Amino acid sequence: MPTKTKKSTSVEKGSIPILVEEEQITAPDAEEFITFKRSHFYSVLVVLAFGVGILVGYVLWGRGTTAAAAVPAQAAAAQQPSGDVVEAPTAQPKFVRYDIPTEGYPSIGPEDAPITIVEFSDFQCPFCRRFHDETYQALLDAYPNQIRFVYRNLPLTSIHPDAMPSAVASLCANDQNAYWDYHEKLFSSEVLDQATFIQYATDLNLNVGEFTACLSSGKHDEFIQQDMNFALDLGIQSTPTFFINGLAIVGAQPLSSFQQLIDKEIAGEIP
């Protein structure tokens, strides 16, 4: 009988070795040759076919995996930095301008001033009073004839019960062209009640009868409410809030904060 031995054959595809077992047949003795051919011929063919099938399968599989691996490899290569130096973008301050109507509201300063400041304020608000006492006049003095200052009402009625009547009183004084003088008195007062309102009207030589009738007439209530609605719709949540040519500043900021923004605006540095 012929002897059969197994050996491992390395079939290379790319860099991946594939081992295939195949049978080797040693040379038979002469007297056993006919017997071998008759009894094992078909078995040998089956074994050889099996070995060839394994070889072909591994070869095809190897090709497939190599091709599949090439795609992510190429993608990874494409994602690698090219070596070029790319400068990081320089962060710029982000400015948002709001459209704040000023027509029909009490104002002081030139109509054509390069800077328009709109204040949403509350006559009973301590921070509004702090701005008035510490910054308001200094700001106007720092930019003579360059600022138009506009006052709009935002009485915080839930915490300041005298804020709404004070706003009404200021507009009643405005009816007699005495708004800013009356504005000054309201922010200097520790008490904001009807008696105080009438006393201030008397001090400013207003028509007291007309002024007193105005206080209870409700003629300015809707105007003030529209101010409040506009401010709340805009997202204003506290007083005082300022808009310098539409650029917001919130709170009783020091003079330097206003100057920093105004100077940039005058220099044209803000888009």
Protein backbone atom coordinates (compact mmCIF):
# COMPACT_ATOMS: atom_id res chain seq x y z
CA MET A 1 0.00 0.00 0.00
CA PRO A 2 1.22 3.56 -0.64
CA THR A 3 1.94 5.71 2.38
CA LYS A 4 0.27 9.04 2.76
CA THR A 5 1.89 12.00 4.51
CA LYS A 6 0.61 15.44 5.29
CA LYS A 7 2.54 18.67 4.90
CA SER A 8 1.73 22.34 5.27
CA THR A 9 2.06 24.50 2.19
CA SER A 10 2.29 28.25 2.60
CA VAL A 11 0.28 30.19 0.05
CA GLU A 12 0.89 33.87 0.29
CA LYS A 13 -1.61 36.56 -0.59
CA GLY A 14 -0.26 39.96 0.15
CA SER A 15 1.34 39.56 3.58
CA ILE A 16 -1.11 36.94 4.92
CA PRO A 17 0.23 33.31 4.75
CA ILE A 18 -2.45 30.67 4.18
CA LEU A 19 -1.73 27.12 5.29
CA VAL A 20 -3.31 24.33 3.23
CA GLU A 21 -3.00 20.68 4.15
CA GLU A 22 -2.59 18.30 1.24
CA GLU A 23 -1.79 14.62 0.97
CA GLN A 24 1.43 13.38 -0.65
CA ILE A 25 1.64 9.87 -2.00
CA THR A 26 4.98 8.05 -1.84
CA ALA A 27 5.99 5.81 -4.72
CA PRO A 28 4.49 2.30 -4.30
CA ASP A 29 6.18 -0.99 -4.77
CA ALA A 30 5.57 -2.46 -8.20
CA GLU A 31 3.40 -5.29 -6.97
CA GLU A 32 1.18 -2.92 -5.07
CA PHE A 33 0.69 -0.43 -7.87
CA ILE A 34 -2.32 -2.06 -9.53
CA THR A 35 -3.99 -2.63 -6.17
CA PHE A 36 -3.49 1.04 -5.22
CA LYS A 37 -4.96 2.35 -8.38
CA ARG A 38 -8.04 0.22 -8.14
CA SER A 39 -8.84 0.64 -4.47
CA HIS A 40 -7.86 4.24 -3.74
CA PHE A 41 -8.05 6.13 -6.98
CA TYR A 42 -11.36 7.82 -6.20
CA SER A 43 -10.37 8.53 -2.62
CA VAL A 44 -7.28 10.37 -3.81
CA LEU A 45 -9.33 12.44 -6.20
CA VAL A 46 -11.73 13.41 -3.41
CA VAL A 47 -8.91 14.43 -1.10
CA LEU A 48 -7.19 16.46 -3.81
CA ALA A 49 -10.45 18.16 -4.71
CA PHE A 50 -11.00 18.98 -1.07
CA GLY A 51 -7.52 20.49 -0.75
CA VAL A 52 -7.94 22.58 -3.90
CA GLY A 53 -11.29 23.81 -2.61
CA ILE A 54 -9.74 24.96 0.65
CA LEU A 55 -6.94 26.70 -1.23
CA VAL A 56 -9.30 28.55 -3.54
CA GLY A 57 -11.55 29.53 -0.63
CA TYR A 58 -8.71 30.98 1.39
CA VAL A 59 -7.35 32.85 -1.61
CA LEU A 60 -10.71 34.40 -2.37
CA TRP A 61 -11.31 35.24 1.28
CA GLY A 62 -7.90 36.84 1.57
CA ARG A 63 -8.58 39.06 -1.45
CA GLY A 64 -11.91 40.16 -0.04
CA THR A 65 -10.54 41.14 3.35
CA THR A 66 -7.58 42.92 1.82
CA ALA A 67 -9.89 45.02 -0.38
CA ALA A 68 -12.22 45.74 2.51
CA ALA A 69 -9.36 46.84 4.72
CA ALA A 70 -8.10 49.20 2.05
CA VAL A 71 -11.18 51.43 2.29
CA PRO A 72 -10.85 52.44 5.94
CA ALA A 73 -7.10 52.67 5.49
CA GLN A 74 -7.57 55.15 2.66
CA ALA A 75 -10.21 57.01 4.65
CA ALA A 76 -7.89 57.20 7.64
CA ALA A 77 -5.11 58.47 5.45
CA ALA A 78 -7.43 61.14 4.08
CA GLN A 79 -8.22 62.28 7.62
CA GLN A 80 -4.60 62.67 8.62
CA PRO A 81 -3.36 66.26 8.85
CA SER A 82 -1.58 67.43 5.77
CA GLY A 83 1.21 69.07 7.74
CA ASP A 84 0.11 72.57 6.74
CA VAL A 85 -0.04 75.10 9.57
CA VAL A 86 -3.58 76.41 10.02
CA GLU A 87 -4.04 79.49 12.17
CA ALA A 88 -6.79 79.26 14.78
CA PRO A 89 -9.52 81.87 14.28
CA THR A 90 -9.31 84.81 16.63
CA ALA A 91 -12.38 85.10 18.82
CA GLN A 92 -14.13 88.43 18.39
CA PRO A 93 -16.56 89.95 20.91
CA LYS A 94 -20.10 89.31 19.81
CA PHE A 95 -22.30 92.40 19.69
CA VAL A 96 -26.04 92.34 19.17
CA ARG A 97 -27.94 95.50 18.27
CA TYR A 98 -31.57 95.77 19.24
CA ASP A 99 -34.08 98.01 17.54
CA ILE A 100 -35.38 100.21 20.36
CA PRO A 101 -37.95 102.83 19.34
CA THR A 102 -37.34 106.29 20.84
CA GLU A 103 -39.98 108.44 19.15
CA GLY A 104 -42.58 109.83 21.54
CA TYR A 105 -40.65 109.04 24.74
CA PRO A 106 -39.16 111.64 27.12
CA SER A 107 -35.63 112.48 26.01
CA ILE A 108 -32.86 114.95 26.69
CA GLY A 109 -29.95 115.93 24.45
CA PRO A 110 -29.57 116.68 20.71
CA GLU A 111 -31.89 114.79 18.37
CA ASP A 112 -28.95 114.14 16.04
CA ALA A 113 -26.50 113.04 18.73
CA PRO A 114 -24.18 110.20 17.62
CA ILE A 115 -25.04 108.24 20.78
CA THR A 116 -28.58 107.43 21.85
CA ILE A 117 -29.00 105.80 25.25
CA VAL A 118 -32.36 104.29 26.14
CA GLU A 119 -32.93 103.42 29.80
CA PHE A 120 -35.68 101.06 30.96
CA SER A 121 -36.12 102.01 34.58
CA ASP A 122 -38.25 102.06 37.72
CA PHE A 123 -38.49 105.11 40.00
CA GLN A 124 -38.60 102.91 43.11
CA CYS A 125 -35.71 100.65 42.08
CA PRO A 126 -32.63 101.18 44.32
CA PHE A 127 -30.21 100.24 41.53
CA CYS A 128 -31.87 102.70 39.18
CA ARG A 129 -31.43 105.34 41.83
CA ARG A 130 -27.78 104.39 42.25
CA PHE A 131 -27.21 104.88 38.52
CA HIS A 132 -28.98 108.24 38.68
CA ASP A 133 -26.97 109.42 41.66
CA GLU A 134 -23.54 108.10 40.65
CA THR A 135 -23.37 107.85 36.86
CA TYR A 136 -26.16 109.66 35.01
CA GLN A 137 -24.92 113.25 35.16
CA ALA A 138 -21.24 112.24 34.94
CA LEU A 139 -22.05 110.35 31.75
CA LEU A 140 -23.75 113.37 30.13
CA ASP A 141 -20.86 115.60 31.23
CA ALA A 142 -18.26 113.21 29.75
CA TYR A 143 -19.82 113.49 26.28
CA PRO A 144 -21.25 116.98 25.93
CA ASN A 145 -23.73 117.28 23.04
CA GLN A 146 -22.97 113.71 21.98
CA ILE A 147 -25.65 111.84 23.91
CA ARG A 148 -29.40 111.75 23.55
CA PHE A 149 -30.82 110.12 26.66
CA VAL A 150 -34.26 108.49 26.44
CA TYR A 151 -36.26 107.26 29.44
CA ARG A 152 -38.74 104.38 29.15
CA ASN A 153 -40.81 102.97 32.00
CA LEU A 154 -40.50 99.46 33.38
CA PRO A 155 -42.13 99.61 36.83
CA LEU A 156 -41.62 96.30 38.63
CA THR A 157 -45.06 96.37 40.19
CA SER A 158 -44.74 93.02 41.97
CA ILE A 159 -41.99 94.32 44.26
CA HIS A 160 -42.29 98.11 43.90
CA PRO A 161 -45.91 99.18 44.57
CA ASP A 162 -45.09 102.87 44.16
CA ALA A 163 -43.31 102.48 40.84
CA MET A 164 -46.41 102.63 38.64
CA PRO A 165 -47.93 105.74 40.32
CA SER A 166 -44.51 107.41 40.07
CA ALA A 167 -44.34 106.67 36.35
CA VAL A 168 -47.83 108.15 35.92
CA ALA A 169 -46.82 111.26 37.89
CA SER A 170 -43.74 111.76 35.70
CA LEU A 171 -45.86 111.66 32.54
CA CYS A 172 -48.40 114.04 34.04
CA ALA A 173 -45.50 116.45 34.61
CA ASN A 174 -44.40 115.80 31.01
CA ASP A 175 -47.82 117.03 29.89
CA GLN A 176 -46.75 120.41 31.29
CA ASN A 177 -43.21 120.22 29.80
CA ALA A 178 -41.57 119.53 33.14
CA TYR A 179 -40.58 115.91 32.73
CA TRP A 180 -36.84 116.03 33.50
CA ASP A 181 -37.16 118.35 36.50
CA TYR A 182 -39.83 116.07 37.91
CA HIS A 183 -37.69 113.02 37.03
CA GLU A 184 -34.92 114.47 39.19
CA LYS A 185 -37.26 114.95 42.15
CA LEU A 186 -38.65 111.42 41.97
CA PHE A 187 -35.18 109.87 42.07
CA SER A 188 -34.19 112.09 45.00
CA SER A 189 -37.25 111.19 47.09
CA GLU A 190 -37.47 108.70 49.95
CA VAL A 191 -41.27 108.71 49.80
CA LEU A 192 -43.34 108.17 46.66
CA ASP A 193 -47.00 108.81 47.36
CA GLN A 194 -49.71 111.10 46.05
CA ALA A 195 -49.01 113.83 48.54
CA THR A 196 -45.36 113.85 47.49
CA PHE A 197 -46.32 113.92 43.81
CA ILE A 198 -48.54 116.94 44.34
CA GLN A 199 -45.90 118.69 46.45
CA TYR A 200 -43.35 118.30 43.65
CA ALA A 201 -45.86 119.69 41.15
CA THR A 202 -46.29 122.69 43.42
CA ASP A 203 -42.51 123.13 43.77
CA LEU A 204 -42.17 123.20 39.98
CA ASN A 205 -45.02 125.71 39.56
CA LEU A 206 -47.17 123.28 37.60
CA ASN A 207 -50.91 123.63 37.29
CA VAL A 208 -51.67 121.56 40.38
CA GLY A 209 -55.34 121.07 39.58
CA GLU A 210 -54.58 119.77 36.13
CA PHE A 211 -51.75 117.64 37.46
CA THR A 212 -53.88 116.12 40.22
CA ALA A 213 -56.67 115.28 37.78
CA CYS A 214 -54.11 113.62 35.53
CA LEU A 215 -52.91 111.33 38.36
CA SER A 216 -56.29 109.62 38.65
CA SER A 217 -57.40 109.86 35.04
CA GLY A 218 -55.63 106.72 33.81
CA LYS A 219 -54.66 108.55 30.61
CA HIS A 220 -51.06 107.29 30.73
CA ASP A 221 -51.71 103.77 31.96
CA GLU A 222 -51.82 102.17 28.51
CA PHE A 223 -48.67 104.01 27.39
CA ILE A 224 -46.76 102.66 30.41
CA GLN A 225 -48.17 99.17 29.91
CA GLN A 226 -46.97 99.16 26.31
CA ASP A 227 -43.49 100.06 27.56
CA MET A 228 -43.62 97.18 30.00
CA ASN A 229 -44.83 94.72 27.38
CA PHE A 230 -42.12 95.77 24.93
CA ALA A 231 -39.39 95.34 27.54
CA LEU A 232 -40.62 91.94 28.67
CA ASP A 233 -41.04 90.71 25.07
CA LEU A 234 -37.47 91.82 24.40
CA GLY A 235 -36.28 89.68 27.31
CA ILE A 236 -35.42 92.44 29.79
CA GLN A 237 -35.54 90.94 33.26
CA SER A 238 -34.18 93.65 35.51
CA THR A 239 -33.83 97.38 35.96
CA PRO A 240 -32.02 99.41 35.02
CA THR A 241 -31.29 98.10 31.52
CA PHE A 242 -29.69 100.37 28.93
CA PHE A 243 -29.30 100.29 25.17
CA ILE A 244 -26.46 102.35 23.71
CA ASN A 245 -27.25 102.67 20.01
CA GLY A 246 -29.06 99.36 20.47
CA LEU A 247 -26.22 97.65 22.40
CA ALA A 248 -27.31 96.40 25.81
CA ILE A 249 -25.80 97.15 29.21
CA VAL A 250 -27.57 95.64 32.20
CA GLY A 251 -27.44 97.02 35.72
CA ALA A 252 -26.11 100.07 37.51
CA GLN A 253 -22.71 99.84 35.87
CA PRO A 254 -19.94 102.34 36.68
CA LEU A 255 -19.14 105.19 34.34
CA SER A 256 -16.13 103.32 32.92
CA SER A 257 -18.35 100.53 31.56
CA PHE A 258 -20.44 103.03 29.62
CA GLN A 259 -17.35 104.88 28.40
CA GLN A 260 -15.72 101.69 27.12
CA LEU A 261 -18.70 100.89 24.92
CA ILE A 262 -19.39 104.48 23.85
CA ASP A 263 -15.76 105.09 22.86
CA LYS A 264 -15.74 101.98 20.68
CA GLU A 265 -19.03 103.02 19.11
CA ILE A 266 -17.82 106.53 18.32
CA ALA A 267 -14.58 105.12 16.88
CA GLY A 268 -16.57 102.80 14.61
CA GLU A 269 -15.02 99.67 16.07
CA ILE A 270 -18.33 97.87 16.62
CA PRO A 271 -20.05 96.42 13.54
